[in-house]
């Protein structure tokens, strides 16, 4: 039963990658400050200090505007780091783009000298989600293990 579910998820991932790769994401404005202001009111953003986001890869939405917005709001931005394959993520403080290094799967991340933090809210990459809001990631299970 479990292997059948894993196979279905793999098939769904393949299908979703094909759909998303057809989109021309450079022509779509994803970040909308007004919408984020509404979201941040709901999650009491003003009372949060440490926020985790991520660095976009491939056909993901561009998170640079979101990350800049987090910093503009005087929050501490941290980014996920895969310290060891098949383990949970750690989150390291973002200091600047020049201090980023190539990490797991060649994804840019804060250097090994950056402080490890525990975020109060986490923005998570997503390949797709279903009608109930369940997230489908890339299949590595890093966020699942972390949560």
N, C-alpha and C. Protein backbone atom coordinates (compact mmCIF):
# COMPACT_ATOMS: atom_id res chain seq x y z
N UNK A 1 0.83 -1.20 0.00
CA UNK A 1 0.00 0.00 0.00
C UNK A 1 0.87 1.26 0.00
N UNK A 2 1.90 1.28 0.87
CA UNK A 2 2.76 2.45 0.95
C UNK A 2 3.50 2.68 -0.36
N UNK A 3 3.99 1.60 -0.99
CA UNK A 3 4.72 1.75 -2.24
C UNK A 3 3.81 2.26 -3.37
N UNK A 4 2.52 1.87 -3.32
CA UNK A 4 1.57 2.37 -4.32
C UNK A 4 1.35 3.87 -4.15
N UNK A 5 1.28 4.31 -2.92
CA UNK A 5 1.12 5.73 -2.64
C UNK A 5 2.35 6.50 -3.11
N UNK A 6 3.53 5.99 -2.83
CA UNK A 6 4.76 6.64 -3.26
C UNK A 6 4.84 6.72 -4.79
N UNK A 7 4.41 5.68 -5.46
CA UNK A 7 4.40 5.67 -6.91
C UNK A 7 3.43 6.73 -7.46
N UNK A 8 2.25 6.83 -6.85
CA UNK A 8 1.25 7.83 -7.26
C UNK A 8 1.82 9.25 -7.07
N UNK A 9 2.47 9.48 -5.94
CA UNK A 9 3.06 10.79 -5.67
C UNK A 9 4.14 11.11 -6.69
N UNK A 10 4.95 10.12 -7.04
CA UNK A 10 6.01 10.32 -8.03
C UNK A 10 5.40 10.68 -9.38
N UNK A 11 4.35 9.98 -9.79
CA UNK A 11 3.67 10.27 -11.05
C UNK A 11 3.08 11.69 -11.02
N UNK A 12 2.48 12.06 -9.90
CA UNK A 12 1.88 13.39 -9.77
C UNK A 12 2.96 14.47 -9.83
N UNK A 13 4.11 14.23 -9.19
CA UNK A 13 5.22 15.18 -9.25
C UNK A 13 5.67 15.41 -10.69
N UNK A 14 5.83 14.32 -11.43
CA UNK A 14 6.26 14.41 -12.82
C UNK A 14 5.28 15.26 -13.63
N UNK A 15 3.99 15.00 -13.42
CA UNK A 15 2.94 15.75 -14.12
C UNK A 15 2.99 17.23 -13.75
N UNK A 16 3.14 17.53 -12.46
CA UNK A 16 3.15 18.91 -12.00
C UNK A 16 4.38 19.67 -12.49
N UNK A 17 5.53 19.00 -12.52
CA UNK A 17 6.73 19.64 -13.06
C UNK A 17 6.52 20.04 -14.52
N UNK A 18 5.92 19.16 -15.29
CA UNK A 18 5.67 19.47 -16.70
C UNK A 18 4.75 20.68 -16.85
N UNK A 19 3.71 20.73 -16.05
CA UNK A 19 2.77 21.85 -16.10
C UNK A 19 3.46 23.15 -15.71
N UNK A 20 4.19 23.11 -14.59
CA UNK A 20 4.82 24.34 -14.10
C UNK A 20 5.93 24.82 -15.03
N UNK A 21 6.66 23.91 -15.63
CA UNK A 21 7.73 24.31 -16.53
C UNK A 21 7.22 24.97 -17.80
N UNK A 22 5.95 24.77 -18.13
CA UNK A 22 5.35 25.42 -19.30
C UNK A 22 5.00 26.88 -19.02
N UNK A 23 4.86 27.23 -17.75
CA UNK A 23 4.52 28.60 -17.40
C UNK A 23 5.70 29.52 -17.64
N UNK A 24 5.42 30.71 -18.09
CA UNK A 24 6.46 31.72 -18.24
C UNK A 24 6.42 32.57 -16.98
N UNK A 25 7.11 32.13 -15.93
CA UNK A 25 7.03 32.80 -14.63
C UNK A 25 7.61 34.20 -14.64
N UNK A 26 8.46 34.53 -15.61
CA UNK A 26 9.03 35.88 -15.65
C UNK A 26 7.97 36.92 -15.99
N UNK A 27 6.88 36.51 -16.61
CA UNK A 27 5.84 37.47 -16.99
C UNK A 27 4.73 37.57 -15.94
N UNK A 28 4.81 36.76 -14.90
CA UNK A 28 3.77 36.74 -13.88
C UNK A 28 4.28 37.44 -12.62
N UNK A 29 3.54 38.47 -12.17
CA UNK A 29 3.92 39.15 -10.94
C UNK A 29 3.37 38.33 -9.77
N UNK A 30 4.27 37.75 -9.01
CA UNK A 30 3.86 36.89 -7.90
C UNK A 30 3.71 37.68 -6.60
N UNK A 31 4.68 38.51 -6.29
CA UNK A 31 4.67 39.22 -5.01
C UNK A 31 3.72 40.39 -5.07
N UNK A 32 2.81 40.44 -4.14
CA UNK A 32 1.87 41.54 -4.03
C UNK A 32 1.91 42.02 -2.59
N UNK A 33 2.47 43.19 -2.38
CA UNK A 33 2.68 43.70 -1.02
C UNK A 33 1.36 43.79 -0.25
N UNK A 34 0.29 44.21 -0.89
CA UNK A 34 -1.00 44.31 -0.21
C UNK A 34 -1.46 42.95 0.31
N UNK A 35 -1.35 41.91 -0.51
CA UNK A 35 -1.75 40.56 -0.07
C UNK A 35 -0.89 40.07 1.09
N UNK A 36 0.40 40.36 1.01
CA UNK A 36 1.27 39.94 2.12
C UNK A 36 0.96 40.72 3.39
N UNK A 37 0.61 41.99 3.25
CA UNK A 37 0.22 42.77 4.44
C UNK A 37 -1.00 42.12 5.10
N UNK A 38 -1.96 41.65 4.30
CA UNK A 38 -3.14 40.99 4.84
C UNK A 38 -2.75 39.68 5.54
N UNK A 39 -1.90 38.89 4.89
CA UNK A 39 -1.42 37.65 5.50
C UNK A 39 -0.69 37.94 6.81
N UNK A 40 0.17 38.92 6.80
CA UNK A 40 0.98 39.22 7.98
C UNK A 40 0.13 39.72 9.14
N UNK A 41 -0.98 40.38 8.85
CA UNK A 41 -1.91 40.78 9.93
C UNK A 41 -2.48 39.53 10.60
N UNK A 42 -2.83 38.55 9.76
CA UNK A 42 -3.44 37.31 10.29
C UNK A 42 -2.47 36.50 11.14
N UNK A 43 -1.19 36.51 10.78
CA UNK A 43 -0.23 35.69 11.54
C UNK A 43 0.51 36.51 12.60
N UNK A 44 0.06 37.76 12.83
CA UNK A 44 0.67 38.61 13.84
C UNK A 44 2.16 38.84 13.56
N UNK A 45 2.47 39.16 12.32
CA UNK A 45 3.84 39.31 11.84
C UNK A 45 4.66 40.31 12.64
N UNK A 46 4.01 41.37 13.13
CA UNK A 46 4.74 42.40 13.88
C UNK A 46 5.38 41.84 15.14
N UNK A 47 4.81 40.79 15.70
CA UNK A 47 5.35 40.19 16.92
C UNK A 47 6.39 39.10 16.66
N UNK A 48 6.65 38.82 15.39
CA UNK A 48 7.64 37.80 15.04
C UNK A 48 8.98 38.46 14.76
N UNK A 49 10.05 37.75 15.07
CA UNK A 49 11.39 38.30 14.82
C UNK A 49 12.16 37.51 13.77
N UNK A 50 12.04 36.19 13.80
CA UNK A 50 12.85 35.35 12.92
C UNK A 50 11.94 34.65 11.91
N UNK A 51 12.18 34.93 10.63
CA UNK A 51 11.35 34.41 9.55
C UNK A 51 12.23 33.63 8.58
N UNK A 52 11.78 32.43 8.23
CA UNK A 52 12.51 31.64 7.25
C UNK A 52 11.78 31.68 5.91
N UNK A 53 12.55 31.86 4.88
CA UNK A 53 12.05 31.78 3.52
C UNK A 53 12.96 30.80 2.80
N UNK A 54 13.08 30.93 1.50
CA UNK A 54 13.97 30.05 0.74
C UNK A 54 14.45 30.77 -0.50
N UNK A 55 15.47 30.22 -1.12
CA UNK A 55 16.01 30.76 -2.36
C UNK A 55 15.39 29.95 -3.50
N UNK A 56 14.75 30.64 -4.41
CA UNK A 56 14.06 29.99 -5.54
C UNK A 56 15.05 29.24 -6.43
N UNK A 57 14.57 28.11 -6.95
CA UNK A 57 15.33 27.36 -7.95
C UNK A 57 14.40 27.00 -9.10
N UNK A 58 14.99 26.76 -10.25
CA UNK A 58 14.27 26.29 -11.43
C UNK A 58 13.01 27.11 -11.71
N UNK A 59 11.85 26.46 -11.76
CA UNK A 59 10.62 27.16 -12.13
C UNK A 59 9.80 27.61 -10.91
N UNK A 60 10.42 27.64 -9.72
CA UNK A 60 9.71 28.13 -8.54
C UNK A 60 9.43 29.63 -8.67
N UNK A 61 8.44 30.09 -7.92
CA UNK A 61 8.20 31.53 -7.89
C UNK A 61 9.45 32.21 -7.35
N UNK A 62 9.70 33.40 -7.82
CA UNK A 62 10.87 34.14 -7.38
C UNK A 62 10.62 34.69 -5.98
N UNK A 63 11.44 34.30 -5.02
CA UNK A 63 11.26 34.74 -3.64
C UNK A 63 12.11 35.95 -3.27
N UNK A 64 12.83 36.52 -4.22
CA UNK A 64 13.71 37.64 -3.87
C UNK A 64 12.92 38.84 -3.34
N UNK A 65 11.76 39.15 -3.92
CA UNK A 65 10.96 40.27 -3.42
C UNK A 65 10.41 39.98 -2.02
N UNK A 66 9.97 38.74 -1.79
CA UNK A 66 9.50 38.36 -0.46
C UNK A 66 10.63 38.49 0.56
N UNK A 67 11.79 37.97 0.22
CA UNK A 67 12.93 38.02 1.14
C UNK A 67 13.35 39.46 1.43
N UNK A 68 13.35 40.30 0.39
CA UNK A 68 13.66 41.72 0.60
C UNK A 68 12.61 42.39 1.48
N UNK A 69 11.36 42.02 1.30
CA UNK A 69 10.27 42.57 2.11
C UNK A 69 10.45 42.19 3.58
N UNK A 70 10.81 40.94 3.83
CA UNK A 70 11.04 40.48 5.21
C UNK A 70 12.14 41.31 5.85
N UNK A 71 13.21 41.53 5.13
CA UNK A 71 14.32 42.34 5.66
C UNK A 71 13.90 43.79 5.85
N UNK A 72 13.12 44.32 4.90
CA UNK A 72 12.63 45.71 4.98
C UNK A 72 11.79 45.92 6.24
N UNK A 73 11.11 44.86 6.68
CA UNK A 73 10.28 44.93 7.88
C UNK A 73 11.09 44.69 9.15
N UNK A 74 12.42 44.74 9.02
CA UNK A 74 13.35 44.59 10.14
C UNK A 74 13.23 43.25 10.85
N UNK A 75 12.95 42.22 10.07
CA UNK A 75 12.92 40.86 10.60
C UNK A 75 14.26 40.19 10.29
N UNK A 76 14.59 39.20 11.09
CA UNK A 76 15.78 38.41 10.82
C UNK A 76 15.38 37.33 9.83
N UNK A 77 16.03 37.30 8.69
CA UNK A 77 15.74 36.31 7.66
C UNK A 77 16.71 35.15 7.80
N UNK A 78 16.16 33.95 7.82
CA UNK A 78 17.02 32.77 7.79
C UNK A 78 16.57 31.88 6.63
N UNK A 79 17.50 31.06 6.18
CA UNK A 79 17.25 30.20 5.03
C UNK A 79 17.57 28.76 5.38
N UNK A 80 16.88 27.81 4.75
CA UNK A 80 17.11 26.40 5.07
C UNK A 80 18.46 25.92 4.54
N UNK A 81 19.04 25.00 5.30
CA UNK A 81 20.31 24.39 4.92
C UNK A 81 20.20 22.89 5.13
N UNK A 82 20.58 22.13 4.12
CA UNK A 82 20.67 20.68 4.26
C UNK A 82 22.07 20.39 4.77
N UNK A 83 22.15 20.03 6.05
CA UNK A 83 23.45 19.75 6.65
C UNK A 83 23.93 18.36 6.25
N UNK A 84 23.00 17.41 6.24
CA UNK A 84 23.32 16.04 5.88
C UNK A 84 22.13 15.44 5.14
N UNK A 85 22.42 14.71 4.05
CA UNK A 85 21.35 14.13 3.25
C UNK A 85 20.45 13.24 4.10
N UNK A 86 19.15 13.32 3.86
CA UNK A 86 18.12 12.54 4.53
C UNK A 86 17.98 12.85 6.02
N UNK A 87 18.38 14.04 6.43
CA UNK A 87 18.14 14.50 7.80
C UNK A 87 17.25 15.74 7.74
N UNK A 88 16.95 16.29 8.90
CA UNK A 88 16.11 17.50 8.93
C UNK A 88 16.93 18.72 8.52
N UNK A 89 16.22 19.79 8.21
CA UNK A 89 16.85 21.05 7.83
C UNK A 89 17.32 21.80 9.06
N UNK A 90 18.33 22.63 8.88
CA UNK A 90 18.65 23.65 9.87
C UNK A 90 18.42 24.99 9.17
N UNK A 91 18.29 26.04 9.94
CA UNK A 91 18.03 27.36 9.38
C UNK A 91 19.14 28.30 9.82
N UNK A 92 19.77 28.95 8.83
CA UNK A 92 20.89 29.84 9.12
C UNK A 92 20.54 31.27 8.73
N UNK A 93 21.07 32.18 9.53
CA UNK A 93 20.81 33.60 9.32
C UNK A 93 21.38 34.06 7.99
N UNK A 94 20.54 34.78 7.25
CA UNK A 94 20.97 35.40 6.00
C UNK A 94 21.62 36.73 6.35
N UNK A 95 22.82 36.95 5.82
CA UNK A 95 23.47 38.23 6.05
C UNK A 95 23.52 39.08 4.78
N UNK A 96 23.95 38.47 3.68
CA UNK A 96 23.94 39.17 2.39
C UNK A 96 24.17 38.16 1.28
N UNK A 97 23.85 38.57 0.06
CA UNK A 97 23.97 37.66 -1.09
C UNK A 97 25.40 37.24 -1.34
N UNK A 98 26.34 38.10 -1.02
CA UNK A 98 27.75 37.79 -1.25
C UNK A 98 28.26 36.72 -0.30
N UNK A 99 27.57 36.52 0.80
CA UNK A 99 28.00 35.54 1.81
C UNK A 99 27.34 34.17 1.60
N UNK A 100 26.71 33.98 0.44
CA UNK A 100 26.04 32.72 0.15
C UNK A 100 27.02 31.74 -0.49
N UNK A 101 26.80 30.47 -0.21
CA UNK A 101 27.63 29.42 -0.79
C UNK A 101 26.74 28.39 -1.48
N UNK A 102 27.34 27.59 -2.33
CA UNK A 102 26.60 26.54 -3.01
C UNK A 102 26.45 25.36 -2.05
N UNK A 103 25.20 24.96 -1.81
CA UNK A 103 24.93 23.87 -0.89
C UNK A 103 24.40 22.64 -1.60
N UNK A 104 23.63 21.87 -0.88
CA UNK A 104 23.03 20.64 -1.39
C UNK A 104 22.25 20.94 -2.67
N UNK A 105 22.40 20.12 -3.67
CA UNK A 105 21.73 20.26 -4.97
C UNK A 105 22.07 21.61 -5.63
N UNK A 106 23.20 22.19 -5.26
CA UNK A 106 23.70 23.45 -5.82
C UNK A 106 22.80 24.64 -5.51
N UNK A 107 22.02 24.53 -4.43
CA UNK A 107 21.14 25.62 -4.01
C UNK A 107 21.95 26.56 -3.11
N UNK A 108 21.84 27.86 -3.38
CA UNK A 108 22.56 28.85 -2.57
C UNK A 108 22.01 28.86 -1.14
N UNK A 109 22.95 28.96 -0.18
CA UNK A 109 22.58 28.99 1.24
C UNK A 109 23.59 29.83 2.00
N UNK A 110 23.24 30.26 3.21
CA UNK A 110 24.20 31.01 4.03
C UNK A 110 25.44 30.15 4.34
N UNK A 111 26.56 30.79 4.52
CA UNK A 111 27.81 30.06 4.75
C UNK A 111 27.77 29.31 6.08
N UNK A 112 28.73 28.38 6.22
CA UNK A 112 28.77 27.54 7.42
C UNK A 112 29.03 28.35 8.69
N UNK A 113 29.57 29.56 8.55
CA UNK A 113 29.86 30.39 9.72
C UNK A 113 28.64 31.15 10.23
N UNK A 114 27.57 31.18 9.44
CA UNK A 114 26.38 31.92 9.86
C UNK A 114 25.67 31.22 11.01
N UNK A 115 25.04 32.02 11.83
CA UNK A 115 24.35 31.55 13.04
C UNK A 115 23.15 30.66 12.68
N UNK A 116 22.99 29.57 13.43
CA UNK A 116 21.81 28.71 13.29
C UNK A 116 20.70 29.32 14.14
N UNK A 117 19.51 29.42 13.55
CA UNK A 117 18.36 30.03 14.22
C UNK A 117 17.16 29.10 14.19
N UNK A 118 16.19 29.40 15.03
CA UNK A 118 14.91 28.68 15.01
C UNK A 118 13.84 29.68 14.57
N UNK A 119 13.33 29.51 13.35
CA UNK A 119 12.34 30.47 12.84
C UNK A 119 11.00 30.35 13.56
N UNK A 120 10.31 31.48 13.59
CA UNK A 120 8.97 31.52 14.18
C UNK A 120 7.89 31.28 13.13
N UNK A 121 8.22 31.53 11.90
CA UNK A 121 7.33 31.25 10.77
C UNK A 121 8.22 30.84 9.60
N UNK A 122 7.71 29.91 8.78
CA UNK A 122 8.52 29.36 7.70
C UNK A 122 7.72 29.40 6.39
N UNK A 123 8.27 30.06 5.40
CA UNK A 123 7.73 30.00 4.04
C UNK A 123 8.38 28.80 3.37
N UNK A 124 7.56 27.93 2.79
CA UNK A 124 8.02 26.63 2.29
C UNK A 124 7.81 26.54 0.78
N UNK A 125 8.81 26.02 0.06
CA UNK A 125 8.60 25.80 -1.38
C UNK A 125 7.55 24.71 -1.60
N UNK A 126 6.89 24.79 -2.73
CA UNK A 126 5.80 23.86 -3.00
C UNK A 126 5.73 23.59 -4.50
N UNK A 127 5.68 22.34 -4.85
CA UNK A 127 5.48 21.98 -6.26
C UNK A 127 4.00 22.11 -6.62
N UNK A 128 3.15 21.60 -5.73
CA UNK A 128 1.71 21.65 -5.95
C UNK A 128 1.01 21.44 -4.61
N UNK A 129 -0.28 21.68 -4.60
CA UNK A 129 -1.08 21.35 -3.41
C UNK A 129 -2.45 20.90 -3.89
N UNK A 130 -3.12 20.14 -3.03
CA UNK A 130 -4.43 19.63 -3.42
C UNK A 130 -5.54 20.55 -2.92
N UNK A 131 -6.76 20.18 -3.20
CA UNK A 131 -7.92 21.01 -2.85
C UNK A 131 -8.06 21.21 -1.34
N UNK A 132 -7.47 20.30 -0.55
CA UNK A 132 -7.52 20.42 0.91
C UNK A 132 -6.34 21.22 1.46
N UNK A 133 -5.43 21.65 0.57
CA UNK A 133 -4.29 22.45 1.01
C UNK A 133 -3.06 21.63 1.39
N UNK A 134 -3.10 20.31 1.14
CA UNK A 134 -1.93 19.50 1.43
C UNK A 134 -0.85 19.76 0.40
N UNK A 135 0.36 19.97 0.87
CA UNK A 135 1.49 20.34 0.03
C UNK A 135 2.17 19.12 -0.57
N UNK A 136 2.57 19.26 -1.83
CA UNK A 136 3.42 18.28 -2.48
C UNK A 136 4.75 18.95 -2.72
N UNK A 137 5.79 18.42 -2.12
CA UNK A 137 7.13 18.96 -2.32
C UNK A 137 7.85 18.20 -3.41
N UNK A 138 9.16 18.20 -3.32
CA UNK A 138 9.96 17.57 -4.36
C UNK A 138 10.30 16.11 -4.06
N UNK A 139 9.91 15.61 -2.90
CA UNK A 139 10.08 14.20 -2.61
C UNK A 139 11.25 13.87 -1.71
N UNK A 140 12.04 14.86 -1.32
CA UNK A 140 13.17 14.60 -0.44
C UNK A 140 12.77 14.44 1.02
N UNK A 141 11.63 14.99 1.40
CA UNK A 141 11.13 14.85 2.76
C UNK A 141 11.81 15.74 3.80
N UNK A 142 12.61 16.71 3.36
CA UNK A 142 13.36 17.53 4.31
C UNK A 142 12.46 18.38 5.20
N UNK A 143 11.46 19.03 4.62
CA UNK A 143 10.54 19.83 5.43
C UNK A 143 9.69 18.92 6.31
N UNK A 144 9.25 17.77 5.80
CA UNK A 144 8.47 16.84 6.61
C UNK A 144 9.26 16.39 7.83
N UNK A 145 10.51 16.03 7.64
CA UNK A 145 11.34 15.61 8.78
C UNK A 145 11.56 16.76 9.75
N UNK A 146 11.73 17.95 9.22
CA UNK A 146 11.99 19.12 10.06
C UNK A 146 10.77 19.44 10.92
N UNK A 147 9.57 19.40 10.31
CA UNK A 147 8.36 19.71 11.07
C UNK A 147 8.04 18.59 12.02
